[in-house]
Amino acid sequence: MGLILLFYINNQKLTLNRWVWGVKQKAMSLEIKVPAVGESITEVTIGQWFKNSGDYVEMDEVICELESDKATFELTAESSGRLTTKAEAGDTLEIGEVICEIDTNASEGDAAASKESPSTPETKETSSNGGGKTGEVKDMVVPTVGESITEVTLASWLKEDGDFVELDEIIAEVDSDKATFELPAEAQGILRHVAEEGDTIEIGGMICKIEVVEGDAPEATSSESSSEAASAPSGSDSYAAGHASPAAAKILAEKGIDAKDVKGTGKDGRITKEDAEKAQKPAPKPAAQPVKAESKDSAPEAPKVAGARESRREKMSSLRRTISKRLVAAKNETAMLTTFNEVNMKPIMDLRKQYKEMFKEKHNVNLGFMSFFTKACCVALQEWPAVNAQIDGNEIIYNDFCDVSIAVSAPKGLVVPVIRNAESLSFDQVEKEVVRLATKARDGKLTIEEMTGGTFTITNGGIFGSMMSTPIINQPQSAILGMHNIVERPMAVNGEVKILPMMYIALSYDHRIIDGRESVSFLVRVKQLLEDPARLLLGV
């Protein structure tokens, strides 16, 4: 009897253990539901899956992208395990509906084993080449490039969507309101564009993703996929071709435009919100009207204009927008006016002609006019410190150093790099610094540090043939000197008329801080030093 009772108890324990194990097995499958993303949002559309069904995912890893009628959201894994998708890309789901399941009992090895089969030669082919996708996706965001910079514009992609990129390889160029920066890849793998060229992105905003790959580039996989894409009909490249996002679909519906009439510029041909906003309803074809015989009293037709009459509209770059704002602000926020003088350039030209070759042979740089003007301005700035000062609220900041900004016309706009402590530099050091900064400016390689902190600016419109101008102050500076072209003019010298190479110089200044006596005296002192360069050497 006791033996029978013991057998019965053990049998009940075994049944209970099996029931508990079954409950645990069921509990290990975690359902992921569409989260609530806003009070007025009732449904979302699956934009794309970043993970495939059967992949092993880590907790908090981004697995797919959801689109609502207002924004795009990323869905993260709520646990580690094997992913099983319940909906396809492009499906529309209600809030709270199951979108996928995660088998939390599965290990990474189990997921890899379940995916590996003889019918999947891509995996073997990739591993034979020494590279393969790890499943990790690296989100790249716009880095912080300066304290005052809050957004950048994507100037150009140097790598196409789907290209294999190496770690630290330059993949794009971004423009800020001050300079152009190169964006290096933060991982090795397949590049996926998120932003388009010309888009303005805030600091910290996502610009692209990289599907991380270990080892060499997966050449076999990429070539196979490209051949499949080439053999597939153009209309079925992907579900996204011609597919409008919820926000875009809403705009198109309001405009009464069919999505088939809109060409998508988004990923895989998807119609974005911007495409919908720019879309115009096609004009109805005019009904055929019977041709009427022209009457004798009809008005004569307007003469046709010969030649092309095309126009184009281009988006302003971030740099150009900032230049516009700052120039208008300088005109509106300063009491700016300009005083003029003229300089006899013959002494400097004779000096350059005499020592030009020796100067270049010794210092390996040409002796130009900029070094003479920079040194003359530094002497005058130290004698008239108000011209080298700036206003900060209710205070005036006087600078004992001369950081001279040089205006350079770069391909993307005007930039103003700074020659630091120009008062302590020699002629050859100034010329070398001018060449270095001008070259970097034209190549778009200037840094933020090289363009901030100037106390006075020199601009040379003479290289473009300008005879006279009124340069605009480079805020927060208080003055700017304008150089112009050199023209031979008859001048009265000691009662005689002589033909001399003359240049007009202009000083624009902020009258709030610089009085007329100081501005005129500053310009006269610069004229005196340029017409007698020996004063620069003797300090008189």
Protein backbone atom coordinates (compact mmCIF):
# COMPACT_ATOMS: atom_id res chain seq x y z
CA MET A 1 0.00 0.00 0.00
CA GLY A 2 2.79 2.41 0.87
CA LEU A 3 4.56 1.58 -2.38
CA ILE A 4 1.40 2.35 -4.39
CA LEU A 5 0.94 5.68 -2.53
CA LEU A 6 4.57 6.71 -3.21
CA PHE A 7 4.17 5.89 -6.93
CA TYR A 8 0.98 7.97 -7.07
CA ILE A 9 2.65 11.00 -5.43
CA ASN A 10 5.65 10.83 -7.80
CA ASN A 11 3.32 10.54 -10.78
CA GLN A 12 1.43 13.64 -9.65
CA LYS A 13 4.71 15.56 -9.25
CA LEU A 14 5.75 14.60 -12.79
CA THR A 15 2.38 15.79 -14.14
CA LEU A 16 2.67 19.03 -12.17
CA ASN A 17 6.24 19.64 -13.44
CA ARG A 18 5.14 19.09 -17.03
CA TRP A 19 2.29 21.58 -16.55
CA VAL A 20 4.60 24.18 -15.02
CA TRP A 21 7.12 23.68 -17.86
CA GLY A 22 4.37 24.15 -20.43
CA VAL A 23 3.32 27.40 -18.73
CA LYS A 24 6.93 28.61 -18.73
CA GLN A 25 7.35 27.68 -22.39
CA LYS A 26 4.27 29.67 -23.29
CA ALA A 27 5.41 32.60 -21.14
CA MET A 28 8.77 32.66 -22.93
CA SER A 29 7.08 33.91 -26.14
CA LEU A 30 6.77 37.69 -25.66
CA GLU A 31 4.21 39.54 -27.75
CA ILE A 32 5.24 43.01 -28.98
CA LYS A 33 2.30 45.32 -29.60
CA VAL A 34 2.08 48.65 -31.42
CA PRO A 35 2.65 51.23 -28.64
CA ALA A 36 0.60 54.38 -28.14
CA VAL A 37 2.52 57.19 -29.85
CA GLY A 38 0.08 60.06 -29.46
CA GLU A 39 -3.41 60.90 -28.30
CA SER A 40 -4.83 61.45 -31.79
CA ILE A 41 -2.95 58.60 -33.49
CA THR A 42 -5.02 55.42 -33.87
CA GLU A 43 -2.97 53.46 -36.39
CA VAL A 44 0.53 53.22 -37.83
CA THR A 45 2.16 51.78 -40.96
CA ILE A 46 5.25 49.57 -40.89
CA GLY A 47 7.84 51.51 -42.85
CA GLN A 48 10.53 48.84 -42.89
CA TRP A 49 11.91 45.94 -40.85
CA PHE A 50 15.51 46.28 -39.73
CA LYS A 51 15.45 42.65 -38.55
CA ASN A 52 14.13 39.60 -40.38
CA SER A 53 11.86 36.93 -38.96
CA GLY A 54 14.07 34.34 -37.25
CA ASP A 55 16.84 36.82 -36.39
CA TYR A 56 18.20 37.00 -32.86
CA VAL A 57 17.67 40.46 -31.34
CA GLU A 58 19.06 42.14 -28.26
CA MET A 59 16.96 44.02 -25.73
CA ASP A 60 16.31 47.68 -26.77
CA GLU A 61 17.66 46.99 -30.27
CA VAL A 62 15.73 48.79 -33.03
CA ILE A 63 13.81 46.17 -35.01
CA CYS A 64 11.54 48.20 -37.28
CA GLU A 65 10.36 51.68 -38.27
CA LEU A 66 6.73 52.81 -37.85
CA GLU A 67 5.08 55.72 -39.61
CA SER A 68 2.06 57.66 -38.42
CA ASP A 69 0.29 60.57 -40.10
CA LYS A 70 2.53 62.94 -38.13
CA ALA A 71 5.95 61.40 -37.64
CA THR A 72 8.19 58.33 -37.90
CA PHE A 73 9.00 56.17 -34.85
CA GLU A 74 11.43 53.37 -34.10
CA LEU A 75 10.24 50.16 -32.41
CA THR A 76 12.72 48.54 -30.06
CA ALA A 77 12.86 44.95 -28.80
CA GLU A 78 11.44 44.59 -25.29
CA SER A 79 13.61 41.54 -24.63
CA SER A 80 16.41 39.47 -26.10
CA GLY A 81 15.48 36.44 -28.18
CA ARG A 82 14.42 35.13 -31.59
CA LEU A 83 12.15 37.45 -33.57
CA THR A 84 8.99 36.28 -35.34
CA THR A 85 7.24 38.97 -37.40
CA LYS A 86 3.43 39.05 -37.52
CA ALA A 87 3.05 41.77 -40.15
CA GLU A 88 4.84 42.78 -43.33
CA ALA A 89 6.43 46.09 -44.28
CA GLY A 90 3.71 48.37 -45.61
CA ASP A 91 0.93 46.88 -43.41
CA THR A 92 -1.25 49.26 -41.40
CA LEU A 93 -1.86 48.20 -37.78
CA GLU A 94 -4.01 49.66 -35.04
CA ILE A 95 -2.58 50.79 -31.72
CA GLY A 96 -2.28 47.78 -29.42
CA GLU A 97 -2.23 45.20 -32.23
CA VAL A 98 0.47 42.50 -32.13
CA ILE A 99 3.28 43.31 -34.54
CA CYS A 100 5.77 40.55 -33.65
CA GLU A 101 6.80 37.98 -31.04
CA ILE A 102 10.12 37.34 -29.37
CA ASP A 103 11.04 33.86 -28.14
CA THR A 104 12.97 34.82 -25.02
CA ASN A 105 13.95 31.18 -24.41
CA ALA A 106 15.96 31.03 -27.60
CA SER A 107 19.70 31.75 -27.64
CA GLU A 108 21.70 33.48 -30.34
CA GLY A 109 23.10 30.12 -31.42
CA ASP A 110 19.63 28.64 -31.76
CA ALA A 111 18.54 31.52 -33.99
CA ALA A 112 21.59 31.12 -36.19
CA ALA A 113 21.07 27.35 -36.44
CA SER A 114 17.42 27.73 -37.37
CA LYS A 115 18.29 30.11 -40.22
CA GLU A 116 21.14 27.93 -41.57
CA SER A 117 19.96 25.43 -44.20
CA PRO A 118 21.14 24.01 -47.57
CA SER A 119 18.67 26.25 -49.37
CA THR A 120 20.44 29.42 -48.19
CA PRO A 121 23.75 29.54 -50.05
CA GLU A 122 24.08 33.27 -49.38
CA THR A 123 25.21 32.68 -45.79
CA LYS A 124 27.87 30.19 -46.77
CA GLU A 125 29.00 32.33 -49.64
CA THR A 126 29.35 35.35 -47.40
CA SER A 127 31.30 33.46 -44.75
CA SER A 128 33.60 32.04 -47.38
CA ASN A 129 34.50 35.60 -48.34
CA GLY A 130 35.43 36.36 -44.76
CA GLY A 131 32.57 38.81 -44.08
CA GLY A 132 28.97 38.73 -42.96
CA LYS A 133 26.28 40.88 -41.36
CA THR A 134 26.30 40.77 -37.59
CA GLY A 135 22.69 41.92 -37.26
CA GLU A 136 23.79 45.10 -35.52
CA VAL A 137 22.62 48.40 -37.01
CA LYS A 138 24.68 51.52 -36.21
CA ASP A 139 22.60 54.70 -36.10
CA MET A 140 24.67 57.71 -37.13
CA VAL A 141 23.56 61.13 -35.91
CA VAL A 142 24.80 64.62 -36.72
CA PRO A 143 27.69 65.31 -34.30
CA THR A 144 28.22 68.53 -32.36
CA VAL A 145 30.41 70.76 -34.54
CA GLY A 146 30.34 74.02 -32.58
CA GLU A 147 28.66 75.71 -29.64
CA SER A 148 26.57 78.11 -31.72
CA ILE A 149 25.64 75.61 -34.46
CA THR A 150 22.21 74.01 -34.00
CA GLU A 151 21.63 72.52 -37.44
CA VAL A 152 23.48 71.49 -40.58
CA THR A 153 22.59 70.89 -44.23
CA LEU A 154 23.50 67.64 -45.97
CA ALA A 155 25.56 68.95 -48.90
CA SER A 156 26.35 65.70 -50.69
CA TRP A 157 26.61 61.96 -50.20
CA LEU A 158 30.06 60.67 -51.13
CA LYS A 159 28.78 57.08 -50.80
CA GLU A 160 25.57 55.76 -52.34
CA ASP A 161 22.80 53.99 -50.46
CA GLY A 162 23.73 50.31 -50.19
CA ASP A 163 27.49 50.86 -50.63
CA PHE A 164 29.94 49.02 -48.41
CA VAL A 165 31.92 51.47 -46.26
CA GLU A 166 34.99 51.07 -44.08
CA LEU A 167 35.35 52.41 -40.55
CA ASP A 168 36.30 56.14 -40.60
CA GLU A 169 35.76 56.34 -44.39
CA ILE A 170 34.29 59.72 -45.44
CA ILE A 171 30.68 59.13 -46.50
CA ALA A 172 29.14 62.63 -46.69
CA GLU A 173 29.75 66.38 -46.52
CA VAL A 174 27.59 68.60 -44.31
CA ASP A 175 27.37 72.39 -44.37
CA SER A 176 26.85 74.53 -41.30
CA ASP A 177 26.35 78.27 -41.24
CA LYS A 178 30.11 78.68 -40.86
CA ALA A 179 31.95 75.84 -42.59
CA THR A 180 31.79 72.48 -44.37
CA PHE A 181 32.56 69.28 -42.48
CA GLU A 182 33.26 65.70 -43.55
CA LEU A 183 31.27 62.88 -41.95
CA PRO A 184 33.24 59.65 -41.39
CA ALA A 185 31.62 56.21 -41.05
CA GLU A 186 31.36 55.08 -37.43
CA ALA A 187 31.35 51.39 -38.35
CA GLN A 188 32.15 48.99 -41.18
CA GLY A 189 29.18 47.74 -43.15
CA ILE A 190 26.39 48.55 -45.57
CA LEU A 191 25.34 52.22 -45.70
CA ARG A 192 21.64 53.10 -45.60
CA HIS A 193 20.68 56.72 -46.23
CA VAL A 194 18.09 58.31 -43.96
CA ALA A 195 18.43 61.95 -45.03
CA GLU A 196 18.48 63.29 -48.59
CA GLU A 197 20.92 65.79 -50.08
CA GLY A 198 19.78 69.31 -49.26
CA ASP A 199 17.95 68.28 -46.09
CA THR A 200 18.47 70.42 -42.99
CA ILE A 201 19.09 68.28 -39.91
CA GLU A 202 19.34 69.35 -36.28
CA ILE A 203 22.37 68.42 -34.19
CA GLY A 204 21.73 64.91 -32.88
CA GLY A 205 19.32 64.09 -35.71
CA MET A 206 19.75 60.80 -37.57
CA ILE A 207 21.51 61.09 -40.91
CA CYS A 208 22.10 57.44 -41.86
CA LYS A 209 22.36 53.83 -40.64
CA ILE A 210 25.11 51.28 -41.12
CA GLU A 211 24.36 47.55 -41.15
CA VAL A 212 27.50 46.34 -39.41
CA VAL A 213 29.54 43.73 -41.31
CA GLU A 214 32.50 41.77 -39.94
CA GLY A 215 35.47 40.98 -42.18
CA ASP A 216 35.55 41.82 -45.89
CA ALA A 217 32.74 43.27 -47.94
CA PRO A 218 30.04 40.68 -48.74
CA GLU A 219 30.72 40.74 -52.48
CA ALA A 220 28.80 37.59 -53.36
CA THR A 221 25.67 38.71 -51.55
CA SER A 222 25.72 42.20 -53.01
CA SER A 223 26.36 40.96 -56.54
CA GLU A 224 23.62 38.35 -56.26
CA SER A 225 21.11 40.84 -54.90
CA SER A 226 22.02 43.36 -57.61
CA SER A 227 21.54 40.74 -60.34
CA GLU A 228 18.17 39.80 -58.88
CA ALA A 229 17.18 43.44 -58.76
CA ALA A 230 18.23 43.91 -62.37
CA SER A 231 16.19 40.90 -63.53
CA ALA A 232 13.12 41.98 -61.56
CA PRO A 233 10.58 44.25 -63.27
CA SER A 234 10.90 47.92 -62.41
CA GLY A 235 7.39 48.08 -61.04
CA SER A 236 8.08 45.49 -58.33
CA ASP A 237 11.47 46.59 -57.00
CA SER A 238 9.97 46.89 -53.50
CA TYR A 239 6.70 47.54 -51.79
CA ALA A 240 7.72 51.17 -51.24
CA ALA A 241 7.86 52.14 -54.92
CA GLY A 242 5.04 54.65 -55.35
CA HIS A 243 3.84 54.02 -51.78
CA ALA A 244 2.83 57.15 -49.88
CA SER A 245 3.53 57.50 -46.18
CA PRO A 246 0.43 58.17 -44.02
CA ALA A 247 1.24 61.87 -43.79
CA ALA A 248 1.85 62.09 -47.54
CA ALA A 249 -1.35 60.15 -48.31
CA LYS A 250 -3.36 62.57 -46.19
CA ILE A 251 -1.94 65.61 -48.02
CA LEU A 252 -2.51 64.03 -51.43
CA ALA A 253 -6.11 63.18 -50.50
CA GLU A 254 -6.74 66.79 -49.45
CA LYS A 255 -5.31 68.02 -52.77
CA GLY A 256 -7.24 65.42 -54.74
CA ILE A 257 -4.07 64.02 -56.32
CA ASP A 258 -3.59 60.33 -57.14
CA ALA A 259 -0.41 58.83 -55.68
CA LYS A 260 0.31 57.31 -59.11
CA ASP A 261 0.84 60.81 -60.48
CA VAL A 262 3.56 61.62 -57.91
CA LYS A 263 7.17 60.51 -58.22
CA GLY A 264 8.60 59.54 -54.84
CA THR A 265 12.05 60.72 -53.81
CA GLY A 266 12.22 58.73 -50.58
CA LYS A 267 13.91 55.42 -49.99
CA ASP A 268 13.04 52.81 -52.67
CA GLY A 269 10.79 55.37 -54.40
CA ARG A 270 8.56 56.02 -51.39
CA ILE A 271 6.45 59.19 -51.55
CA THR A 272 7.46 61.43 -48.64
CA LYS A 273 5.58 64.26 -46.98
CA GLU A 274 7.75 66.78 -48.86
CA ASP A 275 6.87 65.12 -52.19
CA ALA A 276 3.18 65.45 -51.36
CA GLU A 277 3.53 69.11 -50.38
CA LYS A 278 5.33 69.91 -53.65
CA ALA A 279 2.93 67.88 -55.79
CA GLN A 280 0.66 69.85 -58.10
CA LYS A 281 -2.61 68.64 -59.53
CA PRO A 282 -2.12 67.99 -63.25
CA ALA A 283 -3.87 70.58 -65.37
CA PRO A 284 -6.90 69.19 -67.20
CA LYS A 285 -6.44 68.81 -70.91
CA PRO A 286 -8.31 71.55 -72.78
CA ALA A 287 -11.35 70.33 -74.68
CA ALA A 288 -11.00 70.33 -78.42
CA GLN A 289 -12.68 73.39 -79.85
CA PRO A 290 -13.72 73.89 -83.44
CA VAL A 291 -11.35 76.05 -85.38
CA LYS A 292 -12.92 79.38 -86.19
CA ALA A 293 -12.01 81.40 -89.19
CA GLU A 294 -10.08 84.49 -88.23
CA SER A 295 -11.98 87.70 -88.73
CA LYS A 296 -10.47 90.75 -90.30
CA ASP A 297 -11.07 92.74 -87.09
CA SER A 298 -9.20 90.29 -84.78
CA ALA A 299 -6.26 91.73 -82.81
CA PRO A 300 -2.75 90.92 -84.07
CA GLU A 301 -0.78 88.28 -82.15
CA ALA A 302 2.01 89.37 -79.81
CA PRO A 303 5.46 88.94 -81.36
CA LYS A 304 7.35 85.86 -80.18
CA VAL A 305 10.48 86.57 -78.13
CA ALA A 306 13.58 84.88 -79.49
CA GLY A 307 16.01 83.11 -77.16
CA ALA A 308 15.64 80.95 -74.09
CA ARG A 309 13.60 82.23 -71.14
CA GLU A 310 14.34 79.59 -68.53
CA SER A 311 14.56 80.15 -64.79
CA ARG A 312 15.38 77.85 -61.93
CA ARG A 313 14.80 77.83 -58.20
CA GLU A 314 17.50 76.62 -55.82
CA LYS A 315 17.41 76.20 -52.06
CA MET A 316 19.74 78.54 -50.18
CA SER A 317 22.59 76.79 -48.45
CA SER A 318 22.95 77.04 -44.70
CA LEU A 319 26.05 79.20 -45.15
CA ARG A 320 24.26 81.57 -47.55
CA ARG A 321 21.28 81.92 -45.18
CA THR A 322 23.59 82.82 -42.31
CA ILE A 323 25.51 85.34 -44.42
CA SER A 324 22.20 86.97 -45.37
CA LYS A 325 21.02 87.21 -41.77
CA ARG A 326 24.30 88.60 -40.48
CA LEU A 327 24.65 91.24 -43.21
CA VAL A 328 21.10 92.49 -42.63
CA ALA A 329 21.66 92.46 -38.86
CA ALA A 330 24.86 94.52 -39.26
CA LYS A 331 22.97 97.15 -41.24
CA ASN A 332 20.06 97.25 -38.79
CA GLU A 333 21.90 96.98 -35.47
CA THR A 334 24.87 99.32 -35.99
CA ALA A 335 25.26 103.02 -36.70
CA MET A 336 27.43 102.21 -39.69
CA LEU A 337 29.02 104.75 -41.98
CA THR A 338 32.10 104.84 -44.22
CA THR A 339 35.04 107.20 -44.62
CA PHE A 340 37.39 107.15 -47.62
CA ASN A 341 40.96 108.01 -48.51
CA GLU A 342 43.39 107.24 -51.32
CA VAL A 343 46.86 105.73 -51.23
CA ASN A 344 49.81 106.13 -53.56
CA MET A 345 50.89 102.52 -54.06
CA LYS A 346 54.14 103.35 -55.94
CA PRO A 347 56.47 103.01 -52.89
CA ILE A 348 55.13 99.53 -52.06
CA MET A 349 55.18 98.46 -55.71
CA ASP A 350 58.77 99.61 -56.09
CA LEU A 351 59.74 97.78 -52.88
CA ARG A 352 58.04 94.58 -54.08
CA LYS A 353 59.70 94.85 -57.47
CA GLN A 354 63.13 95.25 -55.89
CA TYR A 355 62.91 92.45 -53.29
CA LYS A 356 60.20 90.13 -54.68
CA GLU A 357 62.54 87.41 -55.98
CA MET A 358 64.83 87.46 -52.92
CA PHE A 359 61.83 87.35 -50.61
CA LYS A 360 60.36 84.31 -52.38
CA GLU A 361 63.73 82.54 -52.51
CA LYS A 362 64.31 82.97 -48.79
CA HIS A 363 60.77 82.49 -47.41
CA ASN A 364 59.22 80.33 -50.16
CA VAL A 365 56.19 82.63 -50.45
CA ASN A 366 55.31 85.61 -52.62
CA LEU A 367 55.48 89.14 -51.23
CA GLY A 368 51.96 90.49 -51.75
CA PHE A 369 50.06 93.61 -50.76
CA MET A 370 48.16 91.92 -47.92
CA SER A 371 51.16 91.79 -45.58
CA PHE A 372 51.71 95.54 -45.94
CA PHE A 373 48.05 96.34 -45.28
CA THR A 374 47.86 93.91 -42.34
CA LYS A 375 50.98 95.32 -40.64
CA ALA A 376 49.85 98.93 -41.28
CA CYS A 377 46.42 98.21 -39.79
CA CYS A 378 47.95 96.56 -36.72
CA VAL A 379 50.06 99.67 -36.01
CA ALA A 380 47.03 101.95 -36.48
CA LEU A 381 44.79 99.69 -34.35
CA GLN A 382 47.19 99.89 -31.42
CA GLU A 383 47.26 103.67 -31.72
CA TRP A 384 43.45 103.94 -32.01
CA PRO A 385 42.15 101.11 -29.79
CA ALA A 386 38.46 102.01 -30.28
CA VAL A 387 38.67 100.73 -33.86
CA ASN A 388 39.85 97.39 -32.43
CA ALA A 389 37.13 97.26 -29.77
CA GLN A 390 33.58 95.89 -29.69
CA ILE A 391 30.33 96.49 -27.80
CA ASP A 392 29.04 93.85 -25.38
CA GLY A 393 25.73 94.97 -23.88
CA ASN A 394 26.42 98.17 -21.95
CA GLU A 395 30.18 97.63 -21.95
CA ILE A 396 33.03 98.13 -24.42
CA ILE A 397 35.68 95.43 -24.80
CA TYR A 398 39.12 96.79 -25.74
CA ASN A 399 41.60 94.27 -27.17
CA ASP A 400 45.36 94.62 -26.76
CA PHE A 401 45.93 92.09 -29.55
CA CYS A 402 45.08 92.24 -33.26
CA ASP A 403 43.24 89.21 -34.63
CA VAL A 404 42.79 90.31 -38.23
CA SER A 405 40.02 88.62 -40.23
CA ILE A 406 40.60 88.19 -43.97
CA ALA A 407 37.49 88.06 -46.17
CA VAL A 408 37.78 85.21 -48.70
CA SER A 409 35.31 84.47 -51.48
CA ALA A 410 34.89 80.67 -51.33
CA PRO A 411 32.84 78.60 -53.82
CA LYS A 412 29.99 78.22 -51.30
CA GLY A 413 30.01 81.82 -50.07
CA LEU A 414 31.96 84.44 -48.16
CA VAL A 415 34.08 83.19 -45.25
CA VAL A 416 36.30 85.20 -42.91
CA PRO A 417 39.24 83.25 -41.42
CA VAL A 418 41.37 84.93 -38.75
CA ILE A 419 45.10 85.69 -38.55
CA ARG A 420 45.86 85.42 -34.82
CA ASN A 421 48.12 88.02 -33.16
CA ALA A 422 48.96 89.60 -36.50
CA GLU A 423 50.78 92.44 -34.72
CA SER A 424 53.54 90.01 -33.67
CA LEU A 425 54.00 88.33 -37.06
CA SER A 426 56.66 89.19 -39.64
CA PHE A 427 55.86 89.94 -43.29
CA ASP A 428 56.60 86.39 -44.44
CA GLN A 429 54.56 84.89 -41.58
CA VAL A 430 51.56 87.02 -42.54
CA GLU A 431 51.85 86.03 -46.22
CA LYS A 432 52.13 82.34 -45.35
CA GLU A 433 49.11 82.54 -43.07
CA VAL A 434 47.08 84.35 -45.74
CA VAL A 435 47.91 81.65 -48.31
CA ARG A 436 47.14 78.84 -45.85
CA LEU A 437 43.77 80.23 -44.79
CA ALA A 438 42.71 81.21 -48.31
CA THR A 439 43.55 77.74 -49.63
CA LYS A 440 41.60 76.02 -46.86
CA ALA A 441 38.67 78.37 -47.43
CA ARG A 442 38.46 77.59 -51.14
CA ASP A 443 38.75 73.85 -50.42
CA GLY A 444 36.04 74.07 -47.75
CA LYS A 445 38.43 72.79 -45.03
CA LEU A 446 38.29 75.68 -42.54
CA THR A 447 37.50 74.83 -38.94
CA ILE A 448 35.23 76.76 -36.59
CA GLU A 449 38.22 77.87 -34.53
CA GLU A 450 39.86 79.41 -37.61
CA MET A 451 36.83 81.62 -38.27
CA THR A 452 35.97 82.94 -34.81
CA GLY A 453 37.43 85.64 -32.59
CA GLY A 454 38.53 88.33 -35.06
CA THR A 455 38.81 91.93 -33.84
CA PHE A 456 39.15 93.72 -37.22
CA THR A 457 38.54 92.74 -40.85
CA ILE A 458 40.28 93.48 -44.16
CA THR A 459 38.48 92.79 -47.43
CA ASN A 460 39.97 93.18 -50.90
CA GLY A 461 37.38 93.87 -53.58
CA GLY A 462 40.15 95.05 -55.88
CA ILE A 463 40.89 91.50 -57.03
CA PHE A 464 37.48 91.58 -58.77
CA GLY A 465 38.06 95.06 -60.22
CA SER A 466 36.14 97.11 -57.64
CA MET A 467 37.17 100.77 -57.67
CA MET A 468 35.24 101.87 -54.58
CA SER A 469 32.80 100.27 -52.15
CA THR A 470 31.30 100.56 -48.66
CA PRO A 471 32.08 97.23 -46.92
CA ILE A 472 29.69 95.98 -44.23
CA ILE A 473 30.96 95.49 -40.68
CA ASN A 474 31.62 91.90 -39.61
CA GLN A 475 29.80 91.81 -36.26
CA PRO A 476 30.61 91.88 -33.37
CA GLN A 477 33.61 93.78 -34.71
CA SER A 478 33.34 97.56 -35.01
CA ALA A 479 35.24 98.30 -38.22
CA ILE A 480 36.32 96.86 -41.57
CA LEU A 481 38.88 98.14 -44.10
CA GLY A 482 38.11 97.82 -47.80
CA MET A 483 40.91 97.58 -50.39
CA HIS A 484 40.22 98.29 -54.08
CA ASN A 485 41.89 98.05 -57.46
CA ILE A 486 44.98 100.04 -58.35
CA VAL A 487 44.46 102.56 -61.15
CA GLU A 488 47.02 104.92 -62.66
CA ARG A 489 45.71 108.47 -62.31
CA PRO A 490 47.21 111.95 -62.80
CA MET A 491 48.09 113.40 -59.40
CA ALA A 492 49.52 116.79 -58.39
CA VAL A 493 52.88 116.29 -56.64
CA ASN A 494 54.89 119.36 -55.57
CA GLY A 495 53.23 121.47 -58.23
CA GLU A 496 53.76 118.88 -60.96
CA VAL A 497 51.35 116.40 -62.54
CA LYS A 498 52.51 112.81 -62.24
CA ILE A 499 50.86 109.53 -63.24
CA LEU A 500 50.75 107.40 -60.10
CA PRO A 501 49.22 104.01 -59.21
CA MET A 502 46.43 104.99 -56.79
CA MET A 503 44.08 102.92 -54.64
CA TYR A 504 40.95 104.05 -52.81
CA ILE A 505 40.64 102.64 -49.31
CA ALA A 506 37.43 102.67 -47.26
CA LEU A 507 36.81 102.24 -43.54
CA SER A 508 33.28 101.28 -42.49
CA TYR A 509 32.82 101.68 -38.74
CA ASP A 510 30.22 101.62 -35.99
CA HIS A 511 29.62 105.23 -34.96
CA ARG A 512 28.28 104.09 -31.56
CA ILE A 513 31.81 103.27 -30.43
CA ILE A 514 34.10 105.01 -32.95
CA ASP A 515 33.95 108.79 -33.38
CA GLY A 516 34.72 110.61 -36.60
CA ARG A 517 38.09 111.83 -35.32
CA GLU A 518 39.20 108.28 -34.53
CA SER A 519 38.01 106.77 -37.81
CA VAL A 520 39.56 109.47 -40.00
CA SER A 521 42.80 109.48 -38.00
CA PHE A 522 43.02 105.69 -38.26
CA LEU A 523 42.65 105.79 -42.04
CA VAL A 524 45.16 108.65 -42.40
CA ARG A 525 47.67 106.66 -40.33
CA VAL A 526 47.20 103.59 -42.56
CA LYS A 527 47.73 105.80 -45.64
CA GLN A 528 50.90 107.27 -44.10
CA LEU A 529 52.39 103.83 -43.35
CA LEU A 530 51.58 102.45 -46.81
CA GLU A 531 53.03 105.42 -48.68
CA ASP A 532 56.23 105.22 -46.62
CA PRO A 533 56.79 101.50 -45.81
CA ALA A 534 60.04 102.29 -43.98
CA ARG A 535 57.87 103.53 -41.09
CA LEU A 536 56.66 99.93 -40.58
CA LEU A 537 60.26 98.81 -40.01
CA LEU A 538 61.25 101.75 -37.83
CA GLY A 539 57.99 101.96 -35.86
CA VAL A 540 57.51 105.69 -36.49
